[in-house]
N, C-alpha and C. Protein backbone atom coordinates (compact mmCIF):
# COMPACT_ATOMS: atom_id res chain seq x y z
N MET A 1 0.74 -1.19 -0.49
CA MET A 1 -0.21 -0.14 0.37
C MET A 1 0.80 1.20 0.19
N GLY A 2 0.94 1.96 -0.54
CA GLY A 2 1.60 3.39 -1.68
C GLY A 2 1.15 4.34 -1.45
N ILE A 3 1.53 5.57 -1.42
CA ILE A 3 1.04 6.64 -1.45
C ILE A 3 0.57 6.97 -2.82
N SER A 4 -0.57 7.08 -2.89
CA SER A 4 -1.58 7.41 -4.04
C SER A 4 -1.26 9.01 -4.43
N VAL A 5 -1.79 8.94 -5.54
CA VAL A 5 -1.48 10.61 -6.17
C VAL A 5 -2.51 11.10 -5.54
N TRP A 6 -3.51 11.18 -5.00
CA TRP A 6 -4.66 11.82 -4.00
C TRP A 6 -4.20 11.96 -2.80
N GLN A 7 -3.25 11.30 -1.86
CA GLN A 7 -2.74 11.74 -1.27
C GLN A 7 -1.71 12.65 -1.51
N ILE A 8 -0.56 12.61 -1.98
CA ILE A 8 0.32 13.57 -2.58
C ILE A 8 -0.45 14.93 -2.83
N LEU A 9 -1.86 14.93 -3.56
CA LEU A 9 -2.53 16.18 -3.73
C LEU A 9 -3.10 16.75 -2.65
N ILE A 10 -3.35 16.21 -1.90
CA ILE A 10 -4.09 16.64 -0.54
C ILE A 10 -3.05 17.41 0.40
N VAL A 11 -1.86 16.47 0.36
CA VAL A 11 -0.51 17.19 1.13
C VAL A 11 -0.34 18.16 0.62
N ALA A 12 -0.08 18.90 -1.09
CA ALA A 12 0.56 19.72 -1.59
C ALA A 12 -0.76 21.02 -1.45
N VAL A 13 -2.03 20.46 -1.36
CA VAL A 13 -3.23 21.82 -1.16
C VAL A 13 -2.75 22.14 0.42
N VAL A 14 -2.70 21.37 1.45
CA VAL A 14 -2.99 21.45 2.85
C VAL A 14 -1.36 22.55 3.32
N VAL A 15 -0.23 22.19 2.15
CA VAL A 15 1.28 22.94 2.62
C VAL A 15 0.95 24.40 1.87
N VAL A 16 0.20 24.73 0.42
CA VAL A 16 0.04 25.84 -0.21
C VAL A 16 -0.74 26.71 0.68
N LEU A 17 -1.71 25.32 1.46
CA LEU A 17 -2.84 26.86 2.44
C LEU A 17 -2.32 27.36 3.60
N LEU A 18 -1.38 26.61 4.48
CA LEU A 18 -0.51 26.90 5.29
C LEU A 18 0.59 27.60 5.36
N PHE A 19 1.08 27.55 3.83
CA PHE A 19 2.39 28.83 3.99
C PHE A 19 1.79 30.06 2.56
N GLY A 20 1.17 29.71 1.80
CA GLY A 20 0.49 30.89 0.74
C GLY A 20 1.86 30.47 -0.03
N ARG A 21 1.29 30.94 -1.43
CA ARG A 21 2.19 30.74 -2.40
C ARG A 21 3.25 31.64 -2.52
N GLY A 22 3.21 32.64 -2.27
CA GLY A 22 4.39 34.17 -1.89
C GLY A 22 5.43 33.36 -1.10
N LYS A 23 4.99 32.63 0.33
CA LYS A 23 6.21 32.24 1.17
C LYS A 23 6.86 31.07 0.72
N ILE A 24 6.03 30.36 -0.17
CA ILE A 24 6.83 28.99 -0.87
C ILE A 24 7.68 29.50 -2.12
N SER A 25 7.73 30.57 -2.94
CA SER A 25 8.27 31.30 -3.68
C SER A 25 9.63 31.95 -3.12
N ASP A 26 9.36 32.62 -2.31
CA ASP A 26 10.36 33.37 -1.29
C ASP A 26 11.36 32.17 -1.01
N LEU A 27 10.40 30.89 -0.28
CA LEU A 27 11.90 30.17 -0.03
C LEU A 27 12.75 29.38 -0.87
N MET A 28 11.95 29.84 -2.17
CA MET A 28 12.41 28.69 -3.39
C MET A 28 13.64 29.63 -3.73
N GLY A 29 13.49 31.13 -3.64
CA GLY A 29 14.27 32.20 -3.93
C GLY A 29 15.29 31.72 -3.36
N ASP A 30 15.44 32.07 -2.00
CA ASP A 30 16.21 31.45 -1.06
C ASP A 30 17.43 30.35 -1.01
N VAL A 31 16.74 29.72 -1.42
CA VAL A 31 17.57 28.40 -1.74
C VAL A 31 18.11 28.25 -2.72
N ALA A 32 17.51 28.99 -4.12
CA ALA A 32 18.52 29.54 -5.08
C ALA A 32 19.91 30.62 -4.66
N LYS A 33 19.80 31.16 -3.97
CA LYS A 33 21.13 32.09 -4.09
C LYS A 33 21.82 31.72 -2.68
N GLY A 34 21.36 30.45 -2.48
CA GLY A 34 22.22 29.71 -1.12
C GLY A 34 23.19 28.81 -2.03
N ILE A 35 22.27 28.10 -2.83
CA ILE A 35 23.44 27.29 -3.90
C ILE A 35 24.45 27.79 -5.08
N LYS A 36 24.05 29.37 -5.26
CA LYS A 36 25.14 30.46 -5.87
C LYS A 36 26.03 31.02 -5.38
N SER A 37 25.80 31.27 -4.19
CA SER A 37 26.68 31.49 -2.93
C SER A 37 28.08 30.40 -2.72
N PHE A 38 26.98 28.94 -2.62
CA PHE A 38 28.34 28.10 -2.36
C PHE A 38 28.77 27.69 -3.57
N LYS A 39 28.58 27.64 -4.82
CA LYS A 39 29.27 27.69 -5.96
C LYS A 39 30.44 28.38 -5.89
N LYS A 40 29.82 29.60 -6.00
CA LYS A 40 31.00 31.01 -5.72
C LYS A 40 32.40 30.54 -4.82
N GLY A 41 31.71 30.50 -3.59
CA GLY A 41 32.67 30.12 -2.48
C GLY A 41 33.21 28.86 -3.18
N MET A 42 33.56 27.76 -3.59
CA MET A 42 34.26 27.19 -4.17
C MET A 42 34.74 26.99 -5.31
N ALA A 43 34.39 27.74 -6.14
CA ALA A 43 35.34 28.20 -7.27
C ALA A 43 36.52 29.25 -6.23
N GLU A 44 35.80 30.19 -5.47
CA GLU A 44 37.16 30.96 -4.75
C GLU A 44 38.22 30.29 -4.31
N ASP A 45 37.71 29.32 -3.58
CA ASP A 45 38.63 28.44 -2.64
C ASP A 45 39.11 27.39 -4.06
N ASP A 46 38.86 27.22 -4.79
CA ASP A 46 40.05 26.14 -5.71
C ASP A 46 40.71 27.67 -6.22
N SER A 47 40.89 28.38 -6.54
CA SER A 47 41.53 29.27 -7.24
C SER A 47 42.33 29.98 -5.73
N GLU A 48 41.88 30.06 -5.01
CA GLU A 48 42.92 30.10 -3.89
C GLU A 48 44.22 28.83 -3.31
N THR A 49 43.44 27.66 -3.46
CA THR A 49 44.12 26.29 -3.20
C THR A 49 45.25 26.46 -4.49
N ALA A 50 45.42 26.96 -5.11
CA ALA A 50 46.18 26.79 -6.51
C ALA A 50 47.02 27.51 -6.12
N LYS A 51 47.33 28.71 -5.54
CA LYS A 51 48.79 29.41 -4.65
C LYS A 51 49.34 28.64 -4.35
N THR A 52 50.72 28.92 -4.51
CA THR A 52 51.79 28.40 -3.78
C THR A 52 52.17 29.40 -2.45
N ILE A 53 52.13 28.77 -1.34
CA ILE A 53 52.85 29.59 -0.04
C ILE A 53 54.55 29.28 -0.21
N GLU A 54 55.35 30.29 -0.19
CA GLU A 54 57.14 30.07 0.32
C GLU A 54 56.93 30.48 1.53
N HIS A 55 57.82 29.82 2.49
CA HIS A 55 57.98 29.64 3.39
C HIS A 55 59.81 29.24 3.62
N GLU A 56 60.40 30.53 4.59
CA GLU A 56 61.46 29.79 5.00
C GLU A 56 61.51 30.07 6.61
N ALA A 57 62.23 29.21 7.09
CA ALA A 57 62.60 29.58 8.59
C ALA A 57 63.52 30.15 9.34
N ALA A 58 62.81 30.38 10.22
CA ALA A 58 63.80 31.85 10.89
C ALA A 58 65.56 31.25 11.61
N GLU A 59 65.40 30.07 12.34
CA GLU A 59 65.99 29.05 12.56
C GLU A 59 66.00 27.88 12.37
N PRO A 60 67.06 27.33 11.97
CA PRO A 60 67.27 26.27 11.66
C PRO A 60 67.28 25.13 12.37
N VAL A 61 66.52 24.27 13.35
CA VAL A 61 65.97 23.12 13.64
C VAL A 61 66.55 21.88 13.88
N SER A 62 67.18 21.31 14.35
CA SER A 62 67.85 19.98 14.42
C SER A 62 66.37 18.68 14.70
N SER A 63 67.05 18.08 13.45
CA SER A 63 65.94 17.09 13.69
C SER A 63 66.23 15.56 14.10
N THR A 64 67.27 15.60 14.90
CA THR A 64 67.22 14.13 15.21
C THR A 64 67.42 14.56 16.98
N LYS A 65 67.37 13.39 17.19
CA LYS A 65 67.54 13.79 18.90
C LYS A 65 68.81 12.82 19.25
N SER A 66 69.38 11.88 18.28
CA SER A 66 70.81 11.82 18.28
C SER A 66 71.91 12.87 18.42
N GLU A 67 71.59 13.86 17.40
CA GLU A 67 72.64 15.18 17.82
C GLU A 67 72.66 15.63 19.17
N GLU A 68 71.18 15.55 19.64
CA GLU A 68 70.85 16.54 21.19
C GLU A 68 71.88 15.39 22.77
N THR A 69 71.54 14.02 22.13
CA THR A 69 72.24 13.49 22.98
C THR A 69 73.60 13.20 23.19
N LYS A 70 74.50 13.54 22.22
CA LYS A 70 75.45 13.67 21.60
C LYS A 70 76.57 14.76 22.52
N ALA A 71 75.44 15.94 22.21
CA ALA A 71 76.19 17.28 22.89
C ALA A 71 76.20 17.11 23.90
N SER A 72 75.25 16.07 24.99
CA SER A 72 75.36 16.22 26.13
C SER A 72 76.27 15.60 27.52
């Protein structure tokens, strides 16, 4: 026993009566703006990660403990 066309129609009518056509279209417009903003942010993120960052250490750091133990 699945959902019939009549049940879907009744639910759609109730939603339109509760929220009104104006609020539903405003909500869909906000969703579209959010999706566009997300895509724009992803495109900007890709262009920023393509840049290389050069970094130079201020002081050399010893990388092994054996050098520290020999000095002691």
